[in-house]
Amino acid sequence: MKPRYCTRCGKPLAPDADFCENCGARVQDIPPAPSGQQVYRAPGAMALDDSAAQDAPHAKKPLTIAIVAVAAALVVVIALIFVLLVLPSHGSNHAAEQAASVGEQPATSQEAASSSTSAGGTGATEASAAQEQEIYAALSSSYDQLAGFDDEIRSCATTFNNTYLSTDLSARQANASAAQDLLDRISGAGATVDSINVPAASAYAATKAETSTCYDDLENRISVIVQSWNIDLAYANPRGHENEILAPIEQDNVGTVNKYLTDYQQRYPNAKPQPPQ
């Protein structure tokens, strides 16, 4: 009996074997070798017979399934990335657009007033009260100087009347210098009043105006005395030049009283600042 060989793996077969001891192929499925020919296989070689061809598709199935699974996993991952990154960003942008749209809408006057009242109404009231207190203190300080300046003007007027015809030029120069100094101090004090920041809505707006006018009256009263002194000093002996010397003073008189003195006396009581309520 001729020896038999497995047509799948090439190994010798036992005489009564139904299966190849090496690869497990059924002997009855192995076609006999052609007459006069002996089939030799390299150890471990696979025969390209019908059974191998039938088993090939089955061997490829696990690889195909793995490829499909990987592709599906990639699709899922890409979808998750899109959901997590793209959609939230779009939603945030939309929310930001809505917020910007709301922010661009101007608040109504009632809303603004309500916000101001709730957020800073008390603070604004306290700030206003503090500002009124500061205004009161500043105006009071300026008002308190008025009476002193008025007394100095009266003294300068008396000195002028008593010495403007004197032949003592040095004495007249000293008196004229004192009058000029008083004018400069009154002008500076009046500028201080004008620099006080008093809002139109303040309770002290009218008081500031009265105080400022009182300083204007004082300045006009002393100014004409200075002018008359300047004319007087041009003469070594001023006698005979009375009309020329007294002209600046007399131009502001109503009768025999300076009009700015009359106005000052009327305004002075009303210019006194009252303590804030």
Protein backbone atom coordinates (compact mmCIF):
# COMPACT_ATOMS: atom_id res chain seq x y z
CA MET A 1 0.00 0.00 0.00
CA LYS A 2 1.32 3.38 -1.01
CA PRO A 3 2.00 5.88 1.72
CA ARG A 4 -0.41 8.75 1.95
CA TYR A 5 0.30 12.40 2.61
CA CYS A 6 -1.93 15.14 3.80
CA THR A 7 -2.70 17.38 0.88
CA ARG A 8 -3.15 20.31 3.31
CA CYS A 9 0.02 20.28 5.35
CA GLY A 10 2.09 17.61 3.52
CA LYS A 11 2.67 15.41 6.54
CA PRO A 12 2.58 11.55 6.15
CA LEU A 13 -0.72 9.98 7.13
CA ALA A 14 -1.16 6.81 9.16
CA PRO A 15 -2.56 3.93 7.09
CA ASP A 16 -5.90 3.83 8.89
CA ALA A 17 -6.06 7.51 9.91
CA ASP A 18 -9.29 9.39 9.29
CA PHE A 19 -7.72 12.75 10.26
CA CYS A 20 -4.27 14.30 9.72
CA GLU A 21 -2.45 14.18 13.03
CA ASN A 22 -0.69 17.43 12.14
CA CYS A 23 -3.40 19.81 10.83
CA GLY A 24 -6.57 17.88 11.70
CA ALA A 25 -7.93 17.74 8.11
CA ARG A 26 -10.27 14.83 7.35
CA VAL A 27 -8.56 12.20 5.27
CA GLN A 28 -11.74 11.43 3.31
CA ASP A 29 -11.89 15.10 2.23
CA ILE A 30 -8.38 14.95 0.84
CA PRO A 31 -8.44 14.12 -2.85
CA PRO A 32 -6.04 11.33 -3.81
CA ALA A 33 -2.82 12.28 -5.47
CA PRO A 34 -2.75 11.80 -9.27
CA SER A 35 -1.47 8.40 -10.38
CA GLY A 36 2.30 8.17 -10.72
CA GLN A 37 2.79 11.44 -8.77
CA GLN A 38 3.65 11.95 -5.15
CA VAL A 39 2.77 15.19 -3.40
CA TYR A 40 5.40 16.67 -1.17
CA ARG A 41 4.80 19.67 1.06
CA ALA A 42 7.28 21.75 2.90
CA PRO A 43 6.82 21.35 6.65
CA GLY A 44 4.13 23.79 7.78
CA ALA A 45 3.12 24.68 4.17
CA MET A 46 -0.61 25.18 3.44
CA ALA A 47 -2.13 23.41 0.49
CA LEU A 48 -4.26 25.54 -1.78
CA ASP A 49 -7.02 22.99 -2.05
CA ASP A 50 -10.79 23.49 -1.85
CA SER A 51 -10.95 23.26 1.95
CA ALA A 52 -8.36 26.04 2.30
CA ALA A 53 -10.30 28.20 -0.13
CA GLN A 54 -13.45 27.60 1.86
CA ASP A 55 -11.75 28.47 5.16
CA ALA A 56 -10.16 31.71 3.79
CA PRO A 57 -13.35 33.81 3.98
CA HIS A 58 -13.86 32.71 7.57
CA ALA A 59 -10.33 33.83 8.44
CA LYS A 60 -10.95 37.30 7.00
CA LYS A 61 -14.18 37.90 8.96
CA PRO A 62 -12.54 38.86 12.34
CA LEU A 63 -10.30 41.44 10.61
CA THR A 64 -13.29 42.98 8.80
CA ILE A 65 -15.29 43.16 12.00
CA ALA A 66 -12.36 44.85 13.78
CA ILE A 67 -12.01 47.47 11.02
CA VAL A 68 -15.73 48.22 11.15
CA ALA A 69 -15.61 48.52 14.96
CA VAL A 70 -12.66 50.94 14.84
CA ALA A 71 -14.40 53.06 12.19
CA ALA A 72 -17.58 53.19 14.27
CA ALA A 73 -15.59 54.18 17.35
CA LEU A 74 -13.93 57.00 15.40
CA VAL A 75 -17.33 58.26 14.25
CA VAL A 76 -18.57 58.27 17.84
CA VAL A 77 -15.47 60.12 19.05
CA ILE A 78 -15.78 62.78 16.33
CA ALA A 79 -19.46 63.23 17.16
CA LEU A 80 -18.64 63.69 20.86
CA ILE A 81 -15.93 66.27 20.05
CA PHE A 82 -18.42 68.20 17.91
CA VAL A 83 -21.04 68.16 20.67
CA LEU A 84 -18.61 69.14 23.41
CA LEU A 85 -16.67 71.86 21.58
CA VAL A 86 -18.72 73.30 18.74
CA LEU A 87 -22.23 73.35 20.17
CA PRO A 88 -21.38 74.86 23.61
CA SER A 89 -19.32 77.57 21.90
CA HIS A 90 -22.23 78.40 19.64
CA GLY A 91 -24.56 78.48 22.64
CA SER A 92 -22.16 80.73 24.55
CA ASN A 93 -21.87 83.08 21.61
CA HIS A 94 -25.61 83.20 21.31
CA ALA A 95 -25.93 83.92 25.04
CA ALA A 96 -23.26 86.61 24.76
CA GLU A 97 -25.11 88.16 21.82
CA GLN A 98 -28.30 88.20 23.85
CA ALA A 99 -26.49 89.76 26.82
CA ALA A 100 -24.92 92.40 24.57
CA SER A 101 -28.31 93.10 23.05
CA VAL A 102 -29.78 93.63 26.49
CA GLY A 103 -26.83 95.78 27.50
CA GLU A 104 -27.31 98.03 24.49
CA GLN A 105 -30.87 98.84 25.44
CA PRO A 106 -30.91 102.22 27.23
CA ALA A 107 -32.43 102.21 30.67
CA THR A 108 -35.56 104.26 31.09
CA SER A 109 -35.50 107.29 33.34
CA GLN A 110 -37.57 105.43 35.92
CA GLU A 111 -35.17 102.47 35.89
CA ALA A 112 -32.18 104.80 36.23
CA ALA A 113 -33.82 106.66 39.08
CA SER A 114 -34.74 103.40 40.79
CA SER A 115 -31.19 102.11 40.43
CA SER A 116 -29.75 105.34 41.75
CA THR A 117 -32.11 105.30 44.70
CA SER A 118 -31.50 101.68 45.65
CA ALA A 119 -27.74 101.59 45.03
CA GLY A 120 -26.61 105.02 46.12
CA GLY A 121 -29.54 107.11 47.27
CA THR A 122 -28.36 107.29 50.86
CA GLY A 123 -24.79 108.00 49.83
CA ALA A 124 -25.90 110.78 47.49
CA THR A 125 -27.95 112.35 50.28
CA GLU A 126 -25.01 112.20 52.66
CA ALA A 127 -22.69 113.68 50.02
CA SER A 128 -25.16 116.51 49.38
CA ALA A 129 -25.44 117.26 53.09
CA ALA A 130 -21.67 117.29 53.46
CA GLN A 131 -21.34 119.63 50.49
CA GLU A 132 -23.93 122.00 51.94
CA GLN A 133 -22.01 122.03 55.22
CA GLU A 134 -18.80 122.96 53.38
CA ILE A 135 -20.58 125.75 51.48
CA TYR A 136 -22.04 127.10 54.70
CA ALA A 137 -18.63 127.18 56.37
CA ALA A 138 -16.98 128.94 53.40
CA LEU A 139 -19.72 131.58 53.03
CA SER A 140 -19.83 132.18 56.77
CA SER A 141 -16.10 132.88 56.80
CA SER A 142 -16.45 135.40 53.97
CA TYR A 143 -19.52 137.01 55.51
CA ASP A 144 -17.77 137.49 58.84
CA GLN A 145 -15.13 139.65 57.13
CA LEU A 146 -17.65 142.10 55.66
CA ALA A 147 -18.22 144.14 58.81
CA GLY A 148 -14.49 144.57 59.39
CA PHE A 149 -13.92 145.78 55.82
CA ASP A 150 -16.86 148.18 56.15
CA ASP A 151 -15.33 149.70 59.28
CA GLU A 152 -11.93 150.10 57.54
CA ILE A 153 -13.56 151.91 54.60
CA ARG A 154 -15.30 154.30 56.95
CA SER A 155 -11.96 154.95 58.67
CA CYS A 156 -10.23 155.56 55.31
CA ALA A 157 -13.01 157.97 54.30
CA THR A 158 -12.62 159.90 57.53
CA THR A 159 -8.84 160.04 57.10
CA PHE A 160 -9.26 161.25 53.53
CA ASN A 161 -11.64 164.04 54.55
CA ASN A 162 -9.26 165.18 57.26
CA THR A 163 -5.98 165.09 55.32
CA TYR A 164 -6.55 165.37 51.55
CA LEU A 165 -5.89 169.17 51.64
CA SER A 166 -2.82 168.83 53.85
CA THR A 167 0.50 170.15 52.60
CA ASP A 168 2.24 167.21 54.30
CA LEU A 169 2.84 165.11 51.21
CA SER A 170 4.37 162.22 53.15
CA ALA A 171 1.28 161.89 55.35
CA ARG A 172 -1.00 161.97 52.32
CA GLN A 173 1.11 159.32 50.57
CA ALA A 174 0.90 157.06 53.61
CA ASN A 175 -2.89 157.45 53.75
CA ALA A 176 -3.20 156.79 50.02
CA SER A 177 -1.06 153.64 50.38
CA ALA A 178 -3.29 152.39 53.21
CA ALA A 179 -6.38 152.92 51.03
CA GLN A 180 -4.77 150.97 48.14
CA ASP A 181 -3.86 148.12 50.49
CA LEU A 182 -7.46 147.93 51.71
CA LEU A 183 -8.71 147.85 48.11
CA ASP A 184 -6.40 144.92 47.30
CA ARG A 185 -7.52 142.93 50.34
CA ILE A 186 -11.21 143.49 49.60
CA SER A 187 -10.71 142.45 45.95
CA GLY A 188 -8.98 139.24 47.06
CA ALA A 189 -11.73 138.41 49.55
CA GLY A 190 -14.36 139.00 46.88
CA ALA A 191 -12.54 136.65 44.49
CA THR A 192 -12.60 133.99 47.21
CA VAL A 193 -16.38 134.26 47.43
CA ASP A 194 -16.69 133.94 43.66
CA SER A 195 -14.56 130.77 43.72
CA ILE A 196 -16.89 128.95 46.14
CA ASN A 197 -18.61 126.17 44.20
CA VAL A 198 -22.32 126.50 44.95
CA PRO A 199 -24.69 124.43 42.74
CA ALA A 200 -27.74 126.25 41.40
CA ALA A 201 -29.97 123.85 43.36
CA SER A 202 -28.17 124.57 46.63
CA ALA A 203 -29.98 126.38 49.41
CA TYR A 204 -26.98 128.75 49.53
CA ALA A 205 -27.09 129.88 45.90
CA ALA A 206 -28.92 133.14 46.77
CA THR A 207 -26.74 133.67 49.86
CA LYS A 208 -23.59 133.47 47.76
CA ALA A 209 -24.99 136.02 45.31
CA GLU A 210 -25.83 138.44 48.15
CA THR A 211 -22.38 138.02 49.74
CA SER A 212 -20.63 138.54 46.40
CA THR A 213 -22.62 141.75 45.78
CA CYS A 214 -21.71 143.05 49.25
CA TYR A 215 -18.05 142.65 48.35
CA ASP A 216 -18.65 144.49 45.07
CA ASP A 217 -20.20 147.36 47.04
CA LEU A 218 -17.19 147.51 49.39
CA GLU A 219 -14.78 147.46 46.46
CA ASN A 220 -16.60 150.31 44.69
CA ARG A 221 -16.63 152.42 47.88
CA ILE A 222 -12.89 152.14 48.55
CA SER A 223 -11.99 152.35 44.87
CA VAL A 224 -13.23 155.97 44.50
CA ILE A 225 -11.23 157.00 47.57
CA VAL A 226 -8.07 155.54 46.00
CA GLN A 227 -8.81 157.38 42.77
CA SER A 228 -9.24 160.67 44.62
CA TRP A 229 -5.96 160.09 46.50
CA ASN A 230 -4.13 159.52 43.21
CA ILE A 231 -5.37 162.89 41.94
CA ASP A 232 -4.55 164.56 45.26
CA LEU A 233 -0.96 163.36 45.30
CA ALA A 234 -0.28 165.10 42.01
CA TYR A 235 -0.26 168.40 43.85
CA ALA A 236 2.21 169.55 46.47
CA ASN A 237 -0.51 171.88 47.72
CA PRO A 238 -3.92 170.40 46.88
CA ARG A 239 -5.87 173.47 47.93
CA GLY A 240 -7.75 175.02 45.05
CA HIS A 241 -8.11 171.58 43.38
CA GLU A 242 -10.93 170.29 45.56
CA ASN A 243 -13.47 169.76 42.78
CA GLU A 244 -11.01 167.77 40.69
CA ILE A 245 -9.88 165.68 43.65
CA LEU A 246 -13.42 164.92 44.87
CA ALA A 247 -14.89 164.17 41.41
CA PRO A 248 -14.51 160.30 41.64
CA ILE A 249 -16.21 160.26 45.05
CA GLU A 250 -19.04 162.58 44.12
CA GLN A 251 -19.92 160.67 40.92
CA ASP A 252 -21.17 157.72 43.02
CA ASN A 253 -23.13 159.88 45.49
CA VAL A 254 -26.89 160.03 45.56
CA GLY A 255 -27.39 163.29 47.39
CA THR A 256 -24.58 163.18 49.89
CA VAL A 257 -24.51 159.39 50.39
CA ASN A 258 -22.51 156.90 48.32
CA LYS A 259 -24.97 154.66 46.41
CA TYR A 260 -22.86 151.57 47.06
CA LEU A 261 -22.99 152.24 50.80
CA THR A 262 -26.78 152.31 50.62
CA ASP A 263 -26.90 149.06 48.64
CA TYR A 264 -24.46 147.38 51.05
CA GLN A 265 -26.52 148.32 54.09
CA GLN A 266 -29.63 146.82 52.48
CA ARG A 267 -27.98 143.54 51.44
CA TYR A 268 -25.75 142.86 54.41
CA PRO A 269 -28.45 141.41 56.76
CA ASN A 270 -29.76 139.06 54.06
CA ALA A 271 -26.29 137.83 53.12
CA LYS A 272 -25.76 136.06 56.42
CA PRO A 273 -25.67 132.28 55.81
CA GLN A 274 -28.03 130.15 57.85
CA PRO A 275 -26.93 126.77 59.22
CA PRO A 276 -27.94 123.82 57.02
CA GLN A 277 -31.21 122.12 57.97
